[in-house]
C-alpha cells in the first residue's frame, strides 16, 4: 500500500503505472493537503512524495506525518 503524492499529472501517472507492477494498492494525491488527508484515511506502508507542490509542499507534509508518531517510511 503506497501513497504517491505528486502534483505533475504525467509523473504521477507514470510512477503509479510502474509501481503498480510491484504493489497491489496505490493511492494518489496531488498536493500535501490531500496527501495528509489520504494518509490518515489509508494508513499506507510507504509514502512517496514530491517536494515542491502547491498548497503544502512535500517537506511540510512529511513533518506532519512524523508528528503523528507513525513509523512509516517517507521517500
PDB file of N, CA and C in Angstrom:
ATOM      1  N   UNK A   1       0.848  -1.173   0.000  1.00  0.00           N
ATOM      2  CA  UNK A   1       0.000   0.000   0.000  1.00  0.00           C
ATOM      3  C   UNK A   1       0.896   1.239   0.000  1.00  0.00           C
ATOM      4  N   UNK A   2       0.863   1.994  -1.102  1.00  0.00           N
ATOM      5  CA  UNK A   2       1.714   3.180  -1.264  1.00  0.00           C
ATOM      6  C   UNK A   2       0.849   4.415  -1.434  1.00  0.00           C
ATOM      7  N   UNK A   3       1.248   5.504  -0.790  1.00  0.00           N
ATOM      8  CA  UNK A   3       0.662   6.811  -1.042  1.00  0.00           C
ATOM      9  C   UNK A   3       1.662   7.581  -1.886  1.00  0.00           C
ATOM     10  N   UNK A   4       1.260   7.941  -3.093  1.00  0.00           N
ATOM     11  CA  UNK A   4       2.111   8.698  -4.010  1.00  0.00           C
ATOM     12  C   UNK A   4       1.574  10.122  -4.084  1.00  0.00           C
ATOM     13  N   UNK A   5       2.386  11.090  -3.677  1.00  0.00           N
ATOM     14  CA  UNK A   5       1.964  12.495  -3.653  1.00  0.00           C
ATOM     15  C   UNK A   5       2.812  13.252  -4.671  1.00  0.00           C
ATOM     16  N   UNK A   6       2.178  13.658  -5.760  1.00  0.00           N
ATOM     17  CA  UNK A   6       2.884  14.295  -6.875  1.00  0.00           C
ATOM     18  C   UNK A   6       1.905  15.210  -7.602  1.00  0.00           C
ATOM     19  N   UNK A   7       2.312  16.459  -7.845  1.00  0.00           N
ATOM     20  CA  UNK A   7       1.396  17.402  -8.493  1.00  0.00           C
ATOM     21  C   UNK A   7       1.447  17.356 -10.017  1.00  0.00           C
ATOM     22  N   UNK A   8       2.482  16.825 -10.596  1.00  0.00           N
ATOM     23  CA  UNK A   8       2.592  16.738 -12.050  1.00  0.00           C
ATOM     24  C   UNK A   8       1.848  15.495 -12.541  1.00  0.00           C
ATOM     25  N   UNK A   9       0.809  15.713 -13.350  1.00  0.00           N
ATOM     26  CA  UNK A   9      -0.054  14.621 -13.816  1.00  0.00           C
ATOM     27  C   UNK A   9       0.726  13.511 -14.528  1.00  0.00           C
ATOM     28  N   UNK A  10       1.626  13.881 -15.425  1.00  0.00           N
ATOM     29  CA  UNK A  10       2.375  12.889 -16.199  1.00  0.00           C
ATOM     30  C   UNK A  10       3.272  12.059 -15.289  1.00  0.00           C
ATOM     31  N   UNK A  11       3.992  12.709 -14.394  1.00  0.00           N
ATOM     32  CA  UNK A  11       4.864  11.982 -13.462  1.00  0.00           C
ATOM     33  C   UNK A  11       4.033  11.108 -12.538  1.00  0.00           C
ATOM     34  N   UNK A  12       2.923  11.644 -12.030  1.00  0.00           N
ATOM     35  CA  UNK A  12       2.059  10.886 -11.122  1.00  0.00           C
ATOM     36  C   UNK A  12       1.569   9.595 -11.768  1.00  0.00           C
ATOM     37  N   UNK A  13       1.082   9.691 -12.985  1.00  0.00           N
ATOM     38  CA  UNK A  13       0.524   8.506 -13.631  1.00  0.00           C
ATOM     39  C   UNK A  13       1.596   7.562 -14.168  1.00  0.00           C
ATOM     40  N   UNK A  14       2.727   8.090 -14.575  1.00  0.00           N
ATOM     41  CA  UNK A  14       3.836   7.227 -14.993  1.00  0.00           C
ATOM     42  C   UNK A  14       4.375   6.441 -13.800  1.00  0.00           C
ATOM     43  N   UNK A  15       4.592   7.136 -12.689  1.00  0.00           N
ATOM     44  CA  UNK A  15       5.100   6.470 -11.483  1.00  0.00           C
ATOM     45  C   UNK A  15       4.096   5.446 -10.963  1.00  0.00           C
ATOM     46  N   UNK A  16       2.805   5.783 -10.984  1.00  0.00           N
ATOM     47  CA  UNK A  16       1.810   4.824 -10.477  1.00  0.00           C
ATOM     48  C   UNK A  16       1.722   3.604 -11.386  1.00  0.00           C
ATOM     49  N   UNK A  17       1.902   3.790 -12.680  1.00  0.00           N
ATOM     50  CA  UNK A  17       1.917   2.652 -13.604  1.00  0.00           C
ATOM     51  C   UNK A  17       3.080   1.707 -13.283  1.00  0.00           C
ATOM     52  N   UNK A  18       4.261   2.279 -13.095  1.00  0.00           N
ATOM     53  CA  UNK A  18       5.451   1.467 -12.797  1.00  0.00           C
ATOM     54  C   UNK A  18       5.315   0.794 -11.430  1.00  0.00           C
ATOM     55  N   UNK A  19       4.933   1.557 -10.410  1.00  0.00           N
ATOM     56  CA  UNK A  19       4.779   0.978  -9.069  1.00  0.00           C
ATOM     57  C   UNK A  19       3.683  -0.077  -9.030  1.00  0.00           C
ATOM     58  N   UNK A  20       2.661   0.101  -9.853  1.00  0.00           N
ATOM     59  CA  UNK A  20       1.560  -0.853  -9.901  1.00  0.00           C
ATOM     60  C   UNK A  20       1.974  -2.252 -10.319  1.00  0.00           C
ATOM     61  N   UNK A  21       3.125  -2.376 -10.924  1.00  0.00           N
ATOM     62  CA  UNK A  21       3.649  -3.696 -11.291  1.00  0.00           C
ATOM     63  C   UNK A  21       4.190  -4.452 -10.076  1.00  0.00           C
ATOM     64  N   UNK A  22       4.406  -3.734  -8.967  1.00  0.00           N
ATOM     65  CA  UNK A  22       5.029  -4.325  -7.793  1.00  0.00           C
ATOM     66  C   UNK A  22       4.152  -4.338  -6.546  1.00  0.00           C
ATOM     67  N   UNK A  23       3.130  -3.495  -6.515  1.00  0.00           N
ATOM     68  CA  UNK A  23       2.261  -3.413  -5.334  1.00  0.00           C
ATOM     69  C   UNK A  23       0.799  -3.494  -5.758  1.00  0.00           C
ATOM     70  N   UNK A  24      -0.048  -3.866  -4.816  1.00  0.00           N
ATOM     71  CA  UNK A  24      -1.469  -4.026  -5.111  1.00  0.00           C
ATOM     72  C   UNK A  24      -2.256  -2.729  -5.033  1.00  0.00           C
ATOM     73  N   UNK A  25      -1.861  -1.813  -4.129  1.00  0.00           N
ATOM     74  CA  UNK A  25      -2.669  -0.621  -3.924  1.00  0.00           C
ATOM     75  C   UNK A  25      -1.800   0.631  -3.931  1.00  0.00           C
ATOM     76  N   UNK A  26      -2.188   1.599  -4.774  1.00  0.00           N
ATOM     77  CA  UNK A  26      -1.529   2.897  -4.828  1.00  0.00           C
ATOM     78  C   UNK A  26      -2.610   3.961  -4.691  1.00  0.00           C
ATOM     79  N   UNK A  27      -2.421   4.853  -3.742  1.00  0.00           N
ATOM     80  CA  UNK A  27      -3.326   5.970  -3.562  1.00  0.00           C
ATOM     81  C   UNK A  27      -2.615   7.219  -4.063  1.00  0.00           C
ATOM     82  N   UNK A  28      -3.305   8.032  -4.870  1.00  0.00           N
ATOM     83  CA  UNK A  28      -2.699   9.213  -5.476  1.00  0.00           C
ATOM     84  C   UNK A  28      -3.219  10.495  -4.839  1.00  0.00           C
ATOM     85  N   UNK A  29      -2.303  11.421  -4.599  1.00  0.00           N
ATOM     86  CA  UNK A  29      -2.647  12.759  -4.113  1.00  0.00           C
ATOM     87  C   UNK A  29      -1.854  13.767  -4.931  1.00  0.00           C
ATOM     88  N   UNK A  30      -2.425  14.961  -5.128  1.00  0.00           N
ATOM     89  CA  UNK A  30      -1.761  15.957  -5.965  1.00  0.00           C
ATOM     90  C   UNK A  30      -1.117  17.097  -5.182  1.00  0.00           C
ATOM     91  N   UNK A  31      -1.242  17.078  -3.847  1.00  0.00           N
ATOM     92  CA  UNK A  31      -0.568  18.086  -3.018  1.00  0.00           C
ATOM     93  C   UNK A  31      -0.510  17.578  -1.579  1.00  0.00           C
ATOM     94  N   UNK A  32       0.216  18.304  -0.744  1.00  0.00           N
ATOM     95  CA  UNK A  32       0.406  17.870   0.640  1.00  0.00           C
ATOM     96  C   UNK A  32      -0.859  17.858   1.469  1.00  0.00           C
ATOM     97  N   UNK A  33      -1.783  18.774   1.194  1.00  0.00           N
ATOM     98  CA  UNK A  33      -3.034  18.824   1.952  1.00  0.00           C
ATOM     99  C   UNK A  33      -3.845  17.555   1.708  1.00  0.00           C
ATOM    100  N   UNK A  34      -4.021  17.196   0.447  1.00  0.00           N
ATOM    101  CA  UNK A  34      -4.749  15.953   0.163  1.00  0.00           C
ATOM    102  C   UNK A  34      -3.911  14.739   0.559  1.00  0.00           C
ATOM    103  N   UNK A  35      -2.596  14.876   0.514  1.00  0.00           N
ATOM    104  CA  UNK A  35      -1.724  13.782   0.950  1.00  0.00           C
ATOM    105  C   UNK A  35      -1.924  13.444   2.420  1.00  0.00           C
ATOM    106  N   UNK A  36      -2.004  14.469   3.284  1.00  0.00           N
ATOM    107  CA  UNK A  36      -2.251  14.253   4.718  1.00  0.00           C
ATOM    108  C   UNK A  36      -3.614  13.591   4.930  1.00  0.00           C
ATOM    109  N   UNK A  37      -4.634  14.105   4.231  1.00  0.00           N
ATOM    110  CA  UNK A  37      -5.977  13.544   4.376  1.00  0.00           C
ATOM    111  C   UNK A  37      -6.005  12.075   3.963  1.00  0.00           C
ATOM    112  N   UNK A  38      -5.403  11.772   2.809  1.00  0.00           N
ATOM    113  CA  UNK A  38      -5.395  10.388   2.333  1.00  0.00           C
ATOM    114  C   UNK A  38      -4.497   9.498   3.185  1.00  0.00           C
ATOM    115  N   UNK A  39      -3.430  10.068   3.730  1.00  0.00           N
ATOM    116  CA  UNK A  39      -2.582   9.308   4.646  1.00  0.00           C
ATOM    117  C   UNK A  39      -3.403   8.836   5.846  1.00  0.00           C
ATOM    118  N   UNK A  40      -4.171   9.745   6.423  1.00  0.00           N
ATOM    119  CA  UNK A  40      -4.990   9.396   7.590  1.00  0.00           C
ATOM    120  C   UNK A  40      -6.084   8.386   7.244  1.00  0.00           C
ATOM    121  N   UNK A  41      -6.594   8.450   6.030  1.00  0.00           N
ATOM    122  CA  UNK A  41      -7.655   7.528   5.616  1.00  0.00           C
ATOM    123  C   UNK A  41      -7.127   6.144   5.266  1.00  0.00           C
ATOM    124  N   UNK A  42      -5.961   6.072   4.625  1.00  0.00           N
ATOM    125  CA  UNK A  42      -5.485   4.791   4.087  1.00  0.00           C
ATOM    126  C   UNK A  42      -4.383   4.129   4.904  1.00  0.00           C
ATOM    127  N   UNK A  43      -3.687   4.890   5.746  1.00  0.00           N
ATOM    128  CA  UNK A  43      -2.555   4.364   6.533  1.00  0.00           C
ATOM    129  C   UNK A  43      -1.624   3.512   5.654  1.00  0.00           C
ATOM    130  N   UNK A  44      -0.954   4.150   4.686  1.00  0.00           N
ATOM    131  CA  UNK A  44      -0.101   3.398   3.757  1.00  0.00           C
ATOM    132  C   UNK A  44       1.144   2.828   4.440  1.00  0.00           C
ATOM    133  N   UNK A  45       1.761   1.869   3.763  1.00  0.00           N
ATOM    134  CA  UNK A  45       3.006   1.280   4.241  1.00  0.00           C
ATOM    135  C   UNK A  45       4.207   2.166   3.906  1.00  0.00           C
ATOM    136  N   UNK A  46       4.089   2.937   2.817  1.00  0.00           N
ATOM    137  CA  UNK A  46       5.159   3.812   2.340  1.00  0.00           C
ATOM    138  C   UNK A  46       4.524   5.064   1.740  1.00  0.00           C
ATOM    139  N   UNK A  47       5.181   6.210   1.935  1.00  0.00           N
ATOM    140  CA  UNK A  47       4.772   7.457   1.291  1.00  0.00           C
ATOM    141  C   UNK A  47       5.895   7.878   0.350  1.00  0.00           C
ATOM    142  N   UNK A  48       5.545   8.138  -0.896  1.00  0.00           N
ATOM    143  CA  UNK A  48       6.494   8.675  -1.868  1.00  0.00           C
ATOM    144  C   UNK A  48       5.967  10.050  -2.249  1.00  0.00           C
ATOM    145  N   UNK A  49       6.793  11.081  -2.070  1.00  0.00           N
ATOM    146  CA  UNK A  49       6.310  12.436  -2.294  1.00  0.00           C
ATOM    147  C   UNK A  49       7.280  13.295  -3.088  1.00  0.00           C
ATOM    148  N   UNK A  50       6.693  14.198  -3.841  1.00  0.00           N
ATOM    149  CA  UNK A  50       7.430  15.282  -4.478  1.00  0.00           C
ATOM    150  C   UNK A  50       7.739  16.297  -3.373  1.00  0.00           C
ATOM    151  N   UNK A  51       8.683  17.178  -3.600  1.00  0.00           N
ATOM    152  CA  UNK A  51       8.977  18.207  -2.608  1.00  0.00           C
ATOM    153  C   UNK A  51       8.197  19.481  -2.912  1.00  0.00           C
ATOM    154  N   UNK A  52       8.316  19.986  -4.136  1.00  0.00           N
ATOM    155  CA  UNK A  52       7.665  21.245  -4.493  1.00  0.00           C
ATOM    156  C   UNK A  52       6.274  20.978  -5.058  1.00  0.00           C
ATOM    157  N   UNK A  53       5.252  21.404  -4.298  1.00  0.00           N
ATOM    158  CA  UNK A  53       3.860  21.232  -4.712  1.00  0.00           C
ATOM    159  C   UNK A  53       3.052  22.423  -4.203  1.00  0.00           C
ATOM    160  N   UNK A  54       1.890  22.666  -4.817  1.00  0.00           N
ATOM    161  CA  UNK A  54       1.037  23.752  -4.330  1.00  0.00           C
ATOM    162  C   UNK A  54       0.358  23.392  -3.007  1.00  0.00           C
ATOM    163  N   UNK A  55      -0.126  24.392  -2.327  1.00  0.00           N
ATOM    164  CA  UNK A  55      -0.875  24.284  -1.067  1.00  0.00           C
ATOM    165  C   UNK A  55      -0.011  23.855   0.114  1.00  0.00           C
ATOM    166  N   UNK A  56       0.654  22.719   0.030  1.00  0.00           N
ATOM    167  CA  UNK A  56       1.583  22.270   1.075  1.00  0.00           C
ATOM    168  C   UNK A  56       2.661  21.440   0.396  1.00  0.00           C
ATOM    169  N   UNK A  57       3.920  21.798   0.630  1.00  0.00           N
ATOM    170  CA  UNK A  57       4.992  21.045  -0.029  1.00  0.00           C
ATOM    171  C   UNK A  57       5.234  19.699   0.656  1.00  0.00           C
ATOM    172  N   UNK A  58       6.023  18.880   0.004  1.00  0.00           N
ATOM    173  CA  UNK A  58       6.291  17.538   0.497  1.00  0.00           C
ATOM    174  C   UNK A  58       7.031  17.500   1.822  1.00  0.00           C
ATOM    175  N   UNK A  59       7.880  18.487   2.066  1.00  0.00           N
ATOM    176  CA  UNK A  59       8.620  18.509   3.329  1.00  0.00           C
ATOM    177  C   UNK A  59       7.693  18.790   4.507  1.00  0.00           C
ATOM    178  N   UNK A  60       6.790  19.760   4.341  1.00  0.00           N
ATOM    179  CA  UNK A  60       5.841  20.067   5.410  1.00  0.00           C
ATOM    180  C   UNK A  60       4.892  18.880   5.641  1.00  0.00           C
ATOM    181  N   UNK A  61       4.438  18.270   4.563  1.00  0.00           N
ATOM    182  CA  UNK A  61       3.582  17.094   4.700  1.00  0.00           C
ATOM    183  C   UNK A  61       4.314  15.988   5.467  1.00  0.00           C
ATOM    184  N   UNK A  62       5.577  15.774   5.132  1.00  0.00           N
ATOM    185  CA  UNK A  62       6.375  14.750   5.809  1.00  0.00           C
ATOM    186  C   UNK A  62       6.517  15.048   7.299  1.00  0.00           C
ATOM    187  N   UNK A  63       6.766  16.320   7.633  1.00  0.00           N
ATOM    188  CA  UNK A  63       6.871  16.714   9.048  1.00  0.00           C
ATOM    189  C   UNK A  63       5.582  16.390   9.799  1.00  0.00           C
ATOM    190  N   UNK A  64       4.456  16.685   9.178  1.00  0.00           N
ATOM    191  CA  UNK A  64       3.168  16.431   9.832  1.00  0.00           C
ATOM    192  C   UNK A  64       2.900  14.944  10.009  1.00  0.00           C
ATOM    193  N   UNK A  65       3.321  14.139   9.053  1.00  0.00           N
ATOM    194  CA  UNK A  65       3.169  12.687   9.193  1.00  0.00           C
ATOM    195  C   UNK A  65       4.032  12.178  10.341  1.00  0.00           C
ATOM    196  N   UNK A  66       5.274  12.662  10.416  1.00  0.00           N
ATOM    197  CA  UNK A  66       6.175  12.271  11.503  1.00  0.00           C
ATOM    198  C   UNK A  66       5.595  12.677  12.846  1.00  0.00           C
ATOM    199  N   UNK A  67       4.970  13.852  12.933  1.00  0.00           N
ATOM    200  CA  UNK A  67       4.352  14.321  14.181  1.00  0.00           C
ATOM    201  C   UNK A  67       3.222  13.407  14.658  1.00  0.00           C
ATOM    202  N   UNK A  68       2.613  12.681  13.725  1.00  0.00           N
ATOM    203  CA  UNK A  68       1.552  11.751  14.118  1.00  0.00           C
ATOM    204  C   UNK A  68       2.109  10.554  14.889  1.00  0.00           C
ATOM    205  N   UNK A  69       3.438  10.386  14.830  1.00  0.00           N
ATOM    206  CA  UNK A  69       4.076   9.313  15.578  1.00  0.00           C
ATOM    207  C   UNK A  69       4.084   7.979  14.855  1.00  0.00           C
ATOM    208  N   UNK A  70       3.617   7.993  13.607  1.00  0.00           N
ATOM    209  CA  UNK A  70       3.622   6.750  12.841  1.00  0.00           C
ATOM    210  C   UNK A  70       5.033   6.504  12.300  1.00  0.00           C
ATOM    211  N   UNK A  71       5.400   5.245  12.228  1.00  0.00           N
ATOM    212  CA  UNK A  71       6.734   4.877  11.757  1.00  0.00           C
ATOM    213  C   UNK A  71       6.648   4.386  10.315  1.00  0.00           C
ATOM    214  N   UNK A  72       6.255   5.278   9.427  1.00  0.00           N
ATOM    215  CA  UNK A  72       6.124   4.919   8.018  1.00  0.00           C
ATOM    216  C   UNK A  72       7.297   5.524   7.235  1.00  0.00           C
ATOM    217  N   UNK A  73       7.907   4.739   6.340  1.00  0.00           N
ATOM    218  CA  UNK A  73       8.979   5.305   5.529  1.00  0.00           C
ATOM    219  C   UNK A  73       8.431   6.372   4.576  1.00  0.00           C
ATOM    220  N   UNK A  74       9.160   7.485   4.456  1.00  0.00           N
ATOM    221  CA  UNK A  74       8.784   8.561   3.554  1.00  0.00           C
ATOM    222  C   UNK A  74       9.945   8.795   2.595  1.00  0.00           C
ATOM    223  N   UNK A  75       9.655   8.681   1.314  1.00  0.00           N
ATOM    224  CA  UNK A  75      10.674   8.845   0.291  1.00  0.00           C
ATOM    225  C   UNK A  75      10.359  10.108  -0.494  1.00  0.00           C
TER     226      UNK A  75
END
